[in-house]
């Protein structure tokens, strides 16, 4: 979806919440959802419109080459550190700290250091091998992505995507008129 389309839909949110689904991607689905309790409140709609107009510029700041994969990766790490049946609220600070360390540093060294500080027994050898393998793979991927040859291919791919993006913008804008 193009940035212009995303911005259009973002600004359309006020109409969507007010019950006007003319420009919603799936109007029939929207009509099945319970209406917003402030849909008839002009002050609430005006406040929402102002918020949407003030924040729509964020879409221009986001780089298309980025994805949500990093966020999903961090969520996976958080979930991996403790079972879902563990009280999230009570364990949140330590889980987030370990997740950040794990994401930014060597996983093996981080986990060994944490286990040492907490006076926990050493990990089984199988786990040691897994974490070392993970770190090695992470380092190889980083080195691969930073190589000049790969960067040139990514640059070429971005140029192709920009060309497709321009075409997508023209098609999308015509469909919203």
Foldseek 3Di string as FASTA:
>chain_A
DFLVVVLVVLLCVLVLLLPNCVPPPDNVVSVVDDHDPCSVPPVVSVVSNVVSVVPSCVSVVDDPVDDCVVVVVLVVQLCVVDPPVPDCVVCVVVSNVLSVCVVPHQVLVSVQVVCVVVVHDDDPVVVSVVSVVVSVVVVVVVVVCPDPVNVVVVVVVVVVVVVVSVVVVVVVVVVVD
